[in-house]
mmCIF file of all heavy atoms, coordinates in Angstrom:
data_MODEL
# 
_entry.id   MODEL 
# 
loop_
_atom_site.group_PDB 
_atom_site.id 
_atom_site.type_symbol 
_atom_site.label_atom_id 
_atom_site.label_alt_id 
_atom_site.label_comp_id 
_atom_site.label_asym_id 
_atom_site.label_entity_id 
_atom_site.label_seq_id 
_atom_site.pdbx_PDB_ins_code 
_atom_site.Cartn_x 
_atom_site.Cartn_y 
_atom_site.Cartn_z 
_atom_site.occupancy 
_atom_site.B_iso_or_equiv 
_atom_site.pdbx_formal_charge 
_atom_site.auth_seq_id 
_atom_site.auth_comp_id 
_atom_site.auth_asym_id 
_atom_site.auth_atom_id 
_atom_site.pdbx_PDB_model_num 
ATOM 1   N N   . TYR A 1 1  ? 0.822  -1.210  0.000   1.00 0.00 ? 1  TYR A N   1 
ATOM 2   C CA  . TYR A 1 1  ? 0.000  0.000   0.000   1.00 0.00 ? 1  TYR A CA  1 
ATOM 3   C C   . TYR A 1 1  ? 0.853  1.256   0.000   1.00 0.00 ? 1  TYR A C   1 
ATOM 4   O O   . TYR A 1 1  ? 0.340  2.357   -0.106  1.00 0.00 ? 1  TYR A O   1 
ATOM 5   C CB  . TYR A 1 1  ? -0.934 -0.018  1.213   1.00 0.00 ? 1  TYR A CB  1 
ATOM 6   C CG  . TYR A 1 1  ? -1.676 -1.324  1.301   1.00 0.00 ? 1  TYR A CG  1 
ATOM 7   C CD1 . TYR A 1 1  ? -1.257 -2.334  2.160   1.00 0.00 ? 1  TYR A CD1 1 
ATOM 8   C CD2 . TYR A 1 1  ? -2.754 -1.570  0.459   1.00 0.00 ? 1  TYR A CD2 1 
ATOM 9   C CE1 . TYR A 1 1  ? -1.916 -3.558  2.197   1.00 0.00 ? 1  TYR A CE1 1 
ATOM 10  C CE2 . TYR A 1 1  ? -3.414 -2.789  0.489   1.00 0.00 ? 1  TYR A CE2 1 
ATOM 11  C CZ  . TYR A 1 1  ? -2.992 -3.772  1.358   1.00 0.00 ? 1  TYR A CZ  1 
ATOM 12  O OH  . TYR A 1 1  ? -3.640 -4.971  1.375   1.00 0.00 ? 1  TYR A OH  1 
ATOM 13  N N   . THR A 1 2  ? 2.156  1.047   0.117   1.00 0.00 ? 2  THR A N   1 
ATOM 14  C CA  . THR A 1 2  ? 3.059  2.189   0.225   1.00 0.00 ? 2  THR A CA  1 
ATOM 15  C C   . THR A 1 2  ? 4.464  1.805   -0.242  1.00 0.00 ? 2  THR A C   1 
ATOM 16  O O   . THR A 1 2  ? 4.841  0.637   -0.200  1.00 0.00 ? 2  THR A O   1 
ATOM 17  C CB  . THR A 1 2  ? 3.103  2.695   1.693   1.00 0.00 ? 2  THR A CB  1 
ATOM 18  O OG1 . THR A 1 2  ? 3.843  3.894   1.771   1.00 0.00 ? 2  THR A OG1 1 
ATOM 19  C CG2 . THR A 1 2  ? 3.709  1.681   2.626   1.00 0.00 ? 2  THR A CG2 1 
ATOM 20  N N   . LEU A 1 3  ? 5.194  2.790   -0.714  1.00 0.00 ? 3  LEU A N   1 
ATOM 21  C CA  . LEU A 1 3  ? 6.637  2.693   -0.919  1.00 0.00 ? 3  LEU A CA  1 
ATOM 22  C C   . LEU A 1 3  ? 7.242  3.712   0.033   1.00 0.00 ? 3  LEU A C   1 
ATOM 23  O O   . LEU A 1 3  ? 6.639  4.753   0.283   1.00 0.00 ? 3  LEU A O   1 
ATOM 24  C CB  . LEU A 1 3  ? 7.008  3.024   -2.363  1.00 0.00 ? 3  LEU A CB  1 
ATOM 25  C CG  . LEU A 1 3  ? 6.528  2.040   -3.426  1.00 0.00 ? 3  LEU A CG  1 
ATOM 26  C CD1 . LEU A 1 3  ? 6.815  2.588   -4.825  1.00 0.00 ? 3  LEU A CD1 1 
ATOM 27  C CD2 . LEU A 1 3  ? 7.192  0.679   -3.249  1.00 0.00 ? 3  LEU A CD2 1 
ATOM 28  N N   . SER A 1 4  ? 8.431  3.432   0.549   1.00 0.00 ? 4  SER A N   1 
ATOM 29  C CA  . SER A 1 4  ? 8.977  4.359   1.541   1.00 0.00 ? 4  SER A CA  1 
ATOM 30  C C   . SER A 1 4  ? 10.504 4.321   1.570   1.00 0.00 ? 4  SER A C   1 
ATOM 31  O O   . SER A 1 4  ? 11.141 3.534   0.879   1.00 0.00 ? 4  SER A O   1 
ATOM 32  C CB  . SER A 1 4  ? 8.431  4.022   2.933   1.00 0.00 ? 4  SER A CB  1 
ATOM 33  O OG  . SER A 1 4  ? 9.076  2.886   3.466   1.00 0.00 ? 4  SER A OG  1 
ATOM 34  N N   . SER A 1 5  ? 11.038 5.181   2.441   1.00 0.00 ? 5  SER A N   1 
ATOM 35  C CA  . SER A 1 5  ? 12.484 5.208   2.639   1.00 0.00 ? 5  SER A CA  1 
ATOM 36  C C   . SER A 1 5  ? 12.984 3.884   3.196   1.00 0.00 ? 5  SER A C   1 
ATOM 37  O O   . SER A 1 5  ? 14.179 3.613   3.170   1.00 0.00 ? 5  SER A O   1 
ATOM 38  C CB  . SER A 1 5  ? 12.866 6.361   3.564   1.00 0.00 ? 5  SER A CB  1 
ATOM 39  O OG  . SER A 1 5  ? 12.125 6.302   4.771   1.00 0.00 ? 5  SER A OG  1 
ATOM 40  N N   . ARG A 1 6  ? 12.083 3.046   3.666   1.00 0.00 ? 6  ARG A N   1 
ATOM 41  C CA  . ARG A 1 6  ? 12.441 1.721   4.183   1.00 0.00 ? 6  ARG A CA  1 
ATOM 42  C C   . ARG A 1 6  ? 12.429 0.655   3.088   1.00 0.00 ? 6  ARG A C   1 
ATOM 43  O O   . ARG A 1 6  ? 12.815 -0.475  3.324   1.00 0.00 ? 6  ARG A O   1 
ATOM 44  C CB  . ARG A 1 6  ? 11.493 1.345   5.312   1.00 0.00 ? 6  ARG A CB  1 
ATOM 45  C CG  . ARG A 1 6  ? 11.591 2.305   6.480   1.00 0.00 ? 6  ARG A CG  1 
ATOM 46  C CD  . ARG A 1 6  ? 10.539 2.044   7.506   1.00 0.00 ? 6  ARG A CD  1 
ATOM 47  N NE  . ARG A 1 6  ? 10.721 2.966   8.632   1.00 0.00 ? 6  ARG A NE  1 
ATOM 48  C CZ  . ARG A 1 6  ? 9.840  3.147   9.579   1.00 0.00 ? 6  ARG A CZ  1 
ATOM 49  N NH1 . ARG A 1 6  ? 8.708  2.473   9.572   1.00 0.00 ? 6  ARG A NH1 1 
ATOM 50  N NH2 . ARG A 1 6  ? 10.064 3.996   10.550  1.00 0.00 ? 6  ARG A NH2 1 
ATOM 51  N N   . SER A 1 7  ? 11.948 1.022   1.889   1.00 0.00 ? 7  SER A N   1 
ATOM 52  C CA  . SER A 1 7  ? 11.901 0.087   0.766   1.00 0.00 ? 7  SER A CA  1 
ATOM 53  C C   . SER A 1 7  ? 13.295 -0.081  0.167   1.00 0.00 ? 7  SER A C   1 
ATOM 54  O O   . SER A 1 7  ? 14.145 0.803   0.275   1.00 0.00 ? 7  SER A O   1 
ATOM 55  C CB  . SER A 1 7  ? 10.959 0.612   -0.323  1.00 0.00 ? 7  SER A CB  1 
ATOM 56  O OG  . SER A 1 7  ? 9.647  0.775   0.170   1.00 0.00 ? 7  SER A OG  1 
ATOM 57  N N   . GLN A 1 8  ? 13.518 -1.206  -0.465  1.00 0.00 ? 8  GLN A N   1 
ATOM 58  C CA  . GLN A 1 8  ? 14.783 -1.478  -1.157  1.00 0.00 ? 8  GLN A CA  1 
ATOM 59  C C   . GLN A 1 8  ? 14.542 -1.274  -2.653  1.00 0.00 ? 8  GLN A C   1 
ATOM 60  O O   . GLN A 1 8  ? 14.138 -2.190  -3.354  1.00 0.00 ? 8  GLN A O   1 
ATOM 61  C CB  . GLN A 1 8  ? 15.241 -2.912  -0.882  1.00 0.00 ? 8  GLN A CB  1 
ATOM 62  C CG  . GLN A 1 8  ? 15.527 -3.192  0.579   1.00 0.00 ? 8  GLN A CG  1 
ATOM 63  C CD  . GLN A 1 8  ? 16.702 -2.382  1.091   1.00 0.00 ? 8  GLN A CD  1 
ATOM 64  O OE1 . GLN A 1 8  ? 17.737 -2.294  0.438   1.00 0.00 ? 8  GLN A OE1 1 
ATOM 65  N NE2 . GLN A 1 8  ? 16.546 -1.780  2.253   1.00 0.00 ? 8  GLN A NE2 1 
ATOM 66  N N   . PHE A 1 9  ? 14.791 -0.050  -3.130  1.00 0.00 ? 9  PHE A N   1 
ATOM 67  C CA  . PHE A 1 9  ? 14.514 0.291   -4.519  1.00 0.00 ? 9  PHE A CA  1 
ATOM 68  C C   . PHE A 1 9  ? 15.618 -0.177  -5.457  1.00 0.00 ? 9  PHE A C   1 
ATOM 69  O O   . PHE A 1 9  ? 16.785 -0.238  -5.077  1.00 0.00 ? 9  PHE A O   1 
ATOM 70  C CB  . PHE A 1 9  ? 14.364 1.813   -4.687  1.00 0.00 ? 9  PHE A CB  1 
ATOM 71  C CG  . PHE A 1 9  ? 13.228 2.389   -3.908  1.00 0.00 ? 9  PHE A CG  1 
ATOM 72  C CD1 . PHE A 1 9  ? 13.453 3.343   -2.933  1.00 0.00 ? 9  PHE A CD1 1 
ATOM 73  C CD2 . PHE A 1 9  ? 11.923 1.984   -4.147  1.00 0.00 ? 9  PHE A CD2 1 
ATOM 74  C CE1 . PHE A 1 9  ? 12.403 3.879   -2.211  1.00 0.00 ? 9  PHE A CE1 1 
ATOM 75  C CE2 . PHE A 1 9  ? 10.867 2.509   -3.434  1.00 0.00 ? 9  PHE A CE2 1 
ATOM 76  C CZ  . PHE A 1 9  ? 11.110 3.458   -2.461  1.00 0.00 ? 9  PHE A CZ  1 
ATOM 77  N N   . LYS A 1 10 ? 15.219 -0.444  -6.681  1.00 0.00 ? 10 LYS A N   1 
ATOM 78  C CA  . LYS A 1 10 ? 16.184 -0.680  -7.753  1.00 0.00 ? 10 LYS A CA  1 
ATOM 79  C C   . LYS A 1 10 ? 16.497 0.698   -8.337  1.00 0.00 ? 10 LYS A C   1 
ATOM 80  O O   . LYS A 1 10 ? 15.612 1.381   -8.846  1.00 0.00 ? 10 LYS A O   1 
ATOM 81  C CB  . LYS A 1 10 ? 15.582 -1.597  -8.814  1.00 0.00 ? 10 LYS A CB  1 
ATOM 82  C CG  . LYS A 1 10 ? 16.534 -1.902  -9.929  1.00 0.00 ? 10 LYS A CG  1 
ATOM 83  C CD  . LYS A 1 10 ? 15.939 -2.879  -10.927 1.00 0.00 ? 10 LYS A CD  1 
ATOM 84  C CE  . LYS A 1 10 ? 16.944 -3.149  -12.022 1.00 0.00 ? 10 LYS A CE  1 
ATOM 85  N NZ  . LYS A 1 10 ? 16.377 -4.048  -13.029 1.00 0.00 ? 10 LYS A NZ  1 
ATOM 86  N N   . GLN A 1 11 ? 17.757 1.116   -8.238  1.00 0.00 ? 11 GLN A N   1 
ATOM 87  C CA  . GLN A 1 11 ? 18.150 2.429   -8.730  1.00 0.00 ? 11 GLN A CA  1 
ATOM 88  C C   . GLN A 1 11 ? 18.480 2.389   -10.217 1.00 0.00 ? 11 GLN A C   1 
ATOM 89  O O   . GLN A 1 11 ? 18.879 1.355   -10.749 1.00 0.00 ? 11 GLN A O   1 
ATOM 90  C CB  . GLN A 1 11 ? 19.377 2.944   -7.964  1.00 0.00 ? 11 GLN A CB  1 
ATOM 91  C CG  . GLN A 1 11 ? 19.117 3.203   -6.507  1.00 0.00 ? 11 GLN A CG  1 
ATOM 92  C CD  . GLN A 1 11 ? 20.331 3.773   -5.800  1.00 0.00 ? 11 GLN A CD  1 
ATOM 93  O OE1 . GLN A 1 11 ? 21.441 3.807   -6.324  1.00 0.00 ? 11 GLN A OE1 1 
ATOM 94  N NE2 . GLN A 1 11 ? 20.128 4.247   -4.584  1.00 0.00 ? 11 GLN A NE2 1 
ATOM 95  N N   . ASN A 1 12 ? 18.326 3.534   -10.861 1.00 0.00 ? 12 ASN A N   1 
ATOM 96  C CA  . ASN A 1 12 ? 18.759 3.693   -12.241 1.00 0.00 ? 12 ASN A CA  1 
ATOM 97  C C   . ASN A 1 12 ? 20.283 3.780   -12.248 1.00 0.00 ? 12 ASN A C   1 
ATOM 98  O O   . ASN A 1 12 ? 20.912 3.973   -11.204 1.00 0.00 ? 12 ASN A O   1 
ATOM 99  C CB  . ASN A 1 12 ? 18.142 4.952   -12.850 1.00 0.00 ? 12 ASN A CB  1 
ATOM 100 C CG  . ASN A 1 12 ? 16.626 4.887   -12.852 1.00 0.00 ? 12 ASN A CG  1 
ATOM 101 O OD1 . ASN A 1 12 ? 16.034 3.844   -13.110 1.00 0.00 ? 12 ASN A OD1 1 
ATOM 102 N ND2 . ASN A 1 12 ? 15.986 6.008   -12.539 1.00 0.00 ? 12 ASN A ND2 1 
ATOM 103 N N   . GLN A 1 13 ? 20.899 3.675   -13.420 1.00 0.00 ? 13 GLN A N   1 
ATOM 104 C CA  . GLN A 1 13 ? 22.370 3.694   -13.523 1.00 0.00 ? 13 GLN A CA  1 
ATOM 105 C C   . GLN A 1 13 ? 22.980 4.941   -12.913 1.00 0.00 ? 13 GLN A C   1 
ATOM 106 O O   . GLN A 1 13 ? 24.078 4.893   -12.367 1.00 0.00 ? 13 GLN A O   1 
ATOM 107 C CB  . GLN A 1 13 ? 22.799 3.561   -14.978 1.00 0.00 ? 13 GLN A CB  1 
ATOM 108 C CG  . GLN A 1 13 ? 22.732 2.145   -15.483 1.00 0.00 ? 13 GLN A CG  1 
ATOM 109 C CD  . GLN A 1 13 ? 23.381 2.020   -16.852 1.00 0.00 ? 13 GLN A CD  1 
ATOM 110 O OE1 . GLN A 1 13 ? 23.204 2.858   -17.725 1.00 0.00 ? 13 GLN A OE1 1 
ATOM 111 N NE2 . GLN A 1 13 ? 24.121 0.937   -17.037 1.00 0.00 ? 13 GLN A NE2 1 
ATOM 112 N N   . ASP A 1 14 ? 22.291 6.071   -12.993 1.00 0.00 ? 14 ASP A N   1 
ATOM 113 C CA  . ASP A 1 14 ? 22.830 7.324   -12.460 1.00 0.00 ? 14 ASP A CA  1 
ATOM 114 C C   . ASP A 1 14 ? 22.529 7.521   -10.974 1.00 0.00 ? 14 ASP A C   1 
ATOM 115 O O   . ASP A 1 14 ? 22.827 8.572   -10.409 1.00 0.00 ? 14 ASP A O   1 
ATOM 116 C CB  . ASP A 1 14 ? 22.317 8.520   -13.267 1.00 0.00 ? 14 ASP A CB  1 
ATOM 117 C CG  . ASP A 1 14 ? 20.806 8.707   -13.174 1.00 0.00 ? 14 ASP A CG  1 
ATOM 118 O OD1 . ASP A 1 14 ? 20.114 7.909   -12.491 1.00 0.00 ? 14 ASP A OD1 1 
ATOM 119 O OD2 . ASP A 1 14 ? 20.303 9.668   -13.793 1.00 0.00 ? 14 ASP A OD2 1 
ATOM 120 N N   . GLY A 1 15 ? 21.925 6.513   -10.315 1.00 0.00 ? 15 GLY A N   1 
ATOM 121 C CA  . GLY A 1 15 ? 21.616 6.604   -8.888  1.00 0.00 ? 15 GLY A CA  1 
ATOM 122 C C   . GLY A 1 15 ? 20.248 7.188   -8.599  1.00 0.00 ? 15 GLY A C   1 
ATOM 123 O O   . GLY A 1 15 ? 19.835 7.251   -7.442  1.00 0.00 ? 15 GLY A O   1 
ATOM 124 N N   . SER A 1 16 ? 19.533 7.629   -9.624  1.00 0.00 ? 16 SER A N   1 
ATOM 125 C CA  . SER A 1 16 ? 18.177 8.143   -9.433  1.00 0.00 ? 16 SER A CA  1 
ATOM 126 C C   . SER A 1 16 ? 17.217 6.977   -9.198  1.00 0.00 ? 16 SER A C   1 
ATOM 127 O O   . SER A 1 16 ? 17.581 5.814   -9.387  1.00 0.00 ? 16 SER A O   1 
ATOM 128 C CB  . SER A 1 16 ? 17.741 8.973   -10.647 1.00 0.00 ? 16 SER A CB  1 
ATOM 129 O OG  . SER A 1 16 ? 17.648 8.154   -11.804 1.00 0.00 ? 16 SER A OG  1 
ATOM 130 N N   . VAL A 1 17 ? 16.006 7.300   -8.778  1.00 0.00 ? 17 VAL A N   1 
ATOM 131 C CA  . VAL A 1 17 ? 14.999 6.273   -8.492  1.00 0.00 ? 17 VAL A CA  1 
ATOM 132 C C   . VAL A 1 17 ? 13.695 6.660   -9.172  1.00 0.00 ? 17 VAL A C   1 
ATOM 133 O O   . VAL A 1 17 ? 13.248 7.807   -9.073  1.00 0.00 ? 17 VAL A O   1 
ATOM 134 C CB  . VAL A 1 17 ? 14.764 6.129   -6.971  1.00 0.00 ? 17 VAL A CB  1 
ATOM 135 C CG1 . VAL A 1 17 ? 13.593 5.197   -6.679  1.00 0.00 ? 17 VAL A CG1 1 
ATOM 136 C CG2 . VAL A 1 17 ? 16.023 5.628   -6.276  1.00 0.00 ? 17 VAL A CG2 1 
ATOM 137 N N   . ASP A 1 18 ? 13.087 5.697   -9.858  1.00 0.00 ? 18 ASP A N   1 
ATOM 138 C CA  . ASP A 1 18 ? 11.768 5.877   -10.464 1.00 0.00 ? 18 ASP A CA  1 
ATOM 139 C C   . ASP A 1 18 ? 10.770 5.013   -9.714  1.00 0.00 ? 18 ASP A C   1 
ATOM 140 O O   . ASP A 1 18 ? 10.952 3.787   -9.624  1.00 0.00 ? 18 ASP A O   1 
ATOM 141 C CB  . ASP A 1 18 ? 11.775 5.453   -11.938 1.00 0.00 ? 18 ASP A CB  1 
ATOM 142 C CG  . ASP A 1 18 ? 12.561 6.407   -12.811 1.00 0.00 ? 18 ASP A CG  1 
ATOM 143 O OD1 . ASP A 1 18 ? 12.597 7.612   -12.496 1.00 0.00 ? 18 ASP A OD1 1 
ATOM 144 O OD2 . ASP A 1 18 ? 13.134 5.946   -13.816 1.00 0.00 ? 18 ASP A OD2 1 
ATOM 145 N N   . LEU A 1 19 ? 9.736  5.644   -9.158  1.00 0.00 ? 19 LEU A N   1 
ATOM 146 C CA  . LEU A 1 19 ? 8.649  4.904   -8.540  1.00 0.00 ? 19 LEU A CA  1 
ATOM 147 C C   . LEU A 1 19 ? 7.584  4.706   -9.609  1.00 0.00 ? 19 LEU A C   1 
ATOM 148 O O   . LEU A 1 19 ? 7.147  5.669   -10.250 1.00 0.00 ? 19 LEU A O   1 
ATOM 149 C CB  . LEU A 1 19 ? 8.081  5.665   -7.338  1.00 0.00 ? 19 LEU A CB  1 
ATOM 150 C CG  . LEU A 1 19 ? 9.086  6.002   -6.235  1.00 0.00 ? 19 LEU A CG  1 
ATOM 151 C CD1 . LEU A 1 19 ? 8.371  6.637   -5.051  1.00 0.00 ? 19 LEU A CD1 1 
ATOM 152 C CD2 . LEU A 1 19 ? 9.882  4.788   -5.812  1.00 0.00 ? 19 LEU A CD2 1 
ATOM 153 N N   . LEU A 1 20 ? 7.185  3.470   -9.823  1.00 0.00 ? 20 LEU A N   1 
ATOM 154 C CA  . LEU A 1 20 ? 6.245  3.107   -10.873 1.00 0.00 ? 20 LEU A CA  1 
ATOM 155 C C   . LEU A 1 20 ? 4.858  2.935   -10.270 1.00 0.00 ? 20 LEU A C   1 
ATOM 156 O O   . LEU A 1 20 ? 4.670  2.120   -9.355  1.00 0.00 ? 20 LEU A O   1 
ATOM 157 C CB  . LEU A 1 20 ? 6.702  1.827   -11.556 1.00 0.00 ? 20 LEU A CB  1 
ATOM 158 C CG  . LEU A 1 20 ? 8.140  1.879   -12.081 1.00 0.00 ? 20 LEU A CG  1 
ATOM 159 C CD1 . LEU A 1 20 ? 8.578  0.517   -12.574 1.00 0.00 ? 20 LEU A CD1 1 
ATOM 160 C CD2 . LEU A 1 20 ? 8.278  2.937   -13.153 1.00 0.00 ? 20 LEU A CD2 1 
ATOM 161 N N   . ILE A 1 21 ? 3.916  3.703   -10.768 1.00 0.00 ? 21 ILE A N   1 
ATOM 162 C CA  . ILE A 1 21 ? 2.562  3.734   -10.226 1.00 0.00 ? 21 ILE A CA  1 
ATOM 163 C C   . ILE A 1 21 ? 1.627  3.277   -11.340 1.00 0.00 ? 21 ILE A C   1 
ATOM 164 O O   . ILE A 1 21 ? 1.433  3.996   -12.326 1.00 0.00 ? 21 ILE A O   1 
ATOM 165 C CB  . ILE A 1 21 ? 2.221  5.157   -9.741  1.00 0.00 ? 21 ILE A CB  1 
ATOM 166 C CG1 . ILE A 1 21 ? 3.260  5.625   -8.715  1.00 0.00 ? 21 ILE A CG1 1 
ATOM 167 C CG2 . ILE A 1 21 ? 0.805  5.218   -9.194  1.00 0.00 ? 21 ILE A CG2 1 
ATOM 168 C CD1 . ILE A 1 21 ? 3.357  7.114   -8.544  1.00 0.00 ? 21 ILE A CD1 1 
ATOM 169 N N   . GLN A 1 22 ? 1.085  2.064   -11.185 1.00 0.00 ? 22 GLN A N   1 
ATOM 170 C CA  . GLN A 1 22 ? 0.251  1.514   -12.247 1.00 0.00 ? 22 GLN A CA  1 
ATOM 171 C C   . GLN A 1 22 ? -0.520 0.312   -11.716 1.00 0.00 ? 22 GLN A C   1 
ATOM 172 O O   . GLN A 1 22 ? -0.210 -0.221  -10.656 1.00 0.00 ? 22 GLN A O   1 
ATOM 173 C CB  . GLN A 1 22 ? 1.099  1.117   -13.450 1.00 0.00 ? 22 GLN A CB  1 
ATOM 174 C CG  . GLN A 1 22 ? 2.197  0.110   -13.124 1.00 0.00 ? 22 GLN A CG  1 
ATOM 175 C CD  . GLN A 1 22 ? 3.186  -0.037  -14.259 1.00 0.00 ? 22 GLN A CD  1 
ATOM 176 O OE1 . GLN A 1 22 ? 3.855  0.924   -14.635 1.00 0.00 ? 22 GLN A OE1 1 
ATOM 177 N NE2 . GLN A 1 22 ? 3.275  -1.243  -14.810 1.00 0.00 ? 22 GLN A NE2 1 
ATOM 178 N N   . ASN A 1 23 ? -1.529 -0.114  -12.484 1.00 0.00 ? 23 ASN A N   1 
ATOM 179 C CA  . ASN A 1 23 ? -2.390 -1.209  -12.061 1.00 0.00 ? 23 ASN A CA  1 
ATOM 180 C C   . ASN A 1 23 ? -1.706 -2.565  -12.197 1.00 0.00 ? 23 ASN A C   1 
ATOM 181 O O   . ASN A 1 23 ? -1.771 -3.384  -11.296 1.00 0.00 ? 23 ASN A O   1 
ATOM 182 C CB  . ASN A 1 23 ? -3.709 -1.173  -12.847 1.00 0.00 ? 23 ASN A CB  1 
ATOM 183 C CG  . ASN A 1 23 ? -4.619 -2.309  -12.460 1.00 0.00 ? 23 ASN A CG  1 
ATOM 184 O OD1 . ASN A 1 23 ? -4.732 -3.282  -13.189 1.00 0.00 ? 23 ASN A OD1 1 
ATOM 185 N ND2 . ASN A 1 23 ? -5.244 -2.195  -11.307 1.00 0.00 ? 23 ASN A ND2 1 
ATOM 186 N N   . GLU A 1 24 ? -1.069 -2.824  -13.303 1.00 0.00 ? 24 GLU A N   1 
ATOM 187 C CA  . GLU A 1 24 ? -0.465 -4.136  -13.536 1.00 0.00 ? 24 GLU A CA  1 
ATOM 188 C C   . GLU A 1 24 ? 1.034  -4.098  -13.260 1.00 0.00 ? 24 GLU A C   1 
ATOM 189 O O   . GLU A 1 24 ? 1.678  -3.063  -13.394 1.00 0.00 ? 24 GLU A O   1 
ATOM 190 C CB  . GLU A 1 24 ? -0.743 -4.578  -14.968 1.00 0.00 ? 24 GLU A CB  1 
ATOM 191 C CG  . GLU A 1 24 ? -2.232 -4.806  -15.200 1.00 0.00 ? 24 GLU A CG  1 
ATOM 192 C CD  . GLU A 1 24 ? -2.538 -5.390  -16.565 1.00 0.00 ? 24 GLU A CD  1 
ATOM 193 O OE1 . GLU A 1 24 ? -1.608 -5.883  -17.229 1.00 0.00 ? 24 GLU A OE1 1 
ATOM 194 O OE2 . GLU A 1 24 ? -3.709 -5.342  -16.948 1.00 0.00 ? 24 GLU A OE2 1 
ATOM 195 N N   . SER A 1 25 ? 1.579  -5.250  -12.910 1.00 0.00 ? 25 SER A N   1 
ATOM 196 C CA  . SER A 1 25 ? 2.999  -5.366  -12.599 1.00 0.00 ? 25 SER A CA  1 
ATOM 197 C C   . SER A 1 25 ? 3.851  -4.856  -13.762 1.00 0.00 ? 25 SER A C   1 
ATOM 198 O O   . SER A 1 25 ? 3.577  -5.171  -14.920 1.00 0.00 ? 25 SER A O   1 
ATOM 199 C CB  . SER A 1 25 ? 3.361  -6.820  -12.312 1.00 0.00 ? 25 SER A CB  1 
ATOM 200 O OG  . SER A 1 25 ? 4.771  -6.960  -12.213 1.00 0.00 ? 25 SER A OG  1 
ATOM 201 N N   . PRO A 1 26 ? 4.904  -4.091  -13.454 1.00 0.00 ? 26 PRO A N   1 
ATOM 202 C CA  . PRO A 1 26 ? 5.821  -3.644  -14.498 1.00 0.00 ? 26 PRO A CA  1 
ATOM 203 C C   . PRO A 1 26 ? 6.821  -4.732  -14.885 1.00 0.00 ? 26 PRO A C   1 
ATOM 204 O O   . PRO A 1 26 ? 7.710  -4.496  -15.696 1.00 0.00 ? 26 PRO A O   1 
ATOM 205 C CB  . PRO A 1 26 ? 6.531  -2.462  -13.838 1.00 0.00 ? 26 PRO A CB  1 
ATOM 206 C CG  . PRO A 1 26 ? 6.535  -2.814  -12.387 1.00 0.00 ? 26 PRO A CG  1 
ATOM 207 C CD  . PRO A 1 26 ? 5.241  -3.541  -12.141 1.00 0.00 ? 26 PRO A CD  1 
ATOM 208 N N   . GLY A 1 27 ? 6.693  -5.921  -14.282 1.00 0.00 ? 27 GLY A N   1 
ATOM 209 C CA  . GLY A 1 27 ? 7.640  -7.016  -14.496 1.00 0.00 ? 27 GLY A CA  1 
ATOM 210 C C   . GLY A 1 27 ? 8.397  -7.279  -13.203 1.00 0.00 ? 27 GLY A C   1 
ATOM 211 O O   . GLY A 1 27 ? 8.633  -6.363  -12.416 1.00 0.00 ? 27 GLY A O   1 
ATOM 212 N N   . LYS A 1 28 ? 8.748  -8.523  -12.969 1.00 0.00 ? 28 LYS A N   1 
ATOM 213 C CA  . LYS A 1 28 ? 9.421  -8.914  -11.714 1.00 0.00 ? 28 LYS A CA  1 
ATOM 214 C C   . LYS A 1 28 ? 10.659 -8.071  -11.426 1.00 0.00 ? 28 LYS A C   1 
ATOM 215 O O   . LYS A 1 28 ? 10.931 -7.736  -10.281 1.00 0.00 ? 28 LYS A O   1 
ATOM 216 C CB  . LYS A 1 28 ? 9.799  -10.400 -11.753 1.00 0.00 ? 28 LYS A CB  1 
ATOM 217 C CG  . LYS A 1 28 ? 8.635  -11.324 -11.592 1.00 0.00 ? 28 LYS A CG  1 
ATOM 218 C CD  . LYS A 1 28 ? 8.167  -11.345 -10.168 1.00 0.00 ? 28 LYS A CD  1 
ATOM 219 C CE  . LYS A 1 28 ? 7.065  -12.381 -9.992  1.00 0.00 ? 28 LYS A CE  1 
ATOM 220 N NZ  . LYS A 1 28 ? 6.355  -12.218 -8.752  1.00 0.00 ? 28 LYS A NZ  1 
ATOM 221 N N   . ASP A 1 29 ? 11.421 -7.724  -12.472 1.00 0.00 ? 29 ASP A N   1 
ATOM 222 C CA  . ASP A 1 29 ? 12.664 -6.978  -12.277 1.00 0.00 ? 29 ASP A CA  1 
ATOM 223 C C   . ASP A 1 29 ? 12.427 -5.542  -11.810 1.00 0.00 ? 29 ASP A C   1 
ATOM 224 O O   . ASP A 1 29 ? 13.346 -4.886  -11.335 1.00 0.00 ? 29 ASP A O   1 
ATOM 225 C CB  . ASP A 1 29 ? 13.505 -6.988  -13.547 1.00 0.00 ? 29 ASP A CB  1 
ATOM 226 C CG  . ASP A 1 29 ? 12.818 -6.322  -14.726 1.00 0.00 ? 29 ASP A CG  1 
ATOM 227 O OD1 . ASP A 1 29 ? 11.575 -6.452  -14.847 1.00 0.00 ? 29 ASP A OD1 1 
ATOM 228 O OD2 . ASP A 1 29 ? 13.513 -5.687  -15.536 1.00 0.00 ? 29 ASP A OD2 1 
# 
């Protein structure tokens, strides 16, 4: 129900982070 600073995000190559907000899974990766 939430993403947070406690989540383990997959970072982009430049160290940025994209949070994906959508109905269906964006894929396991």
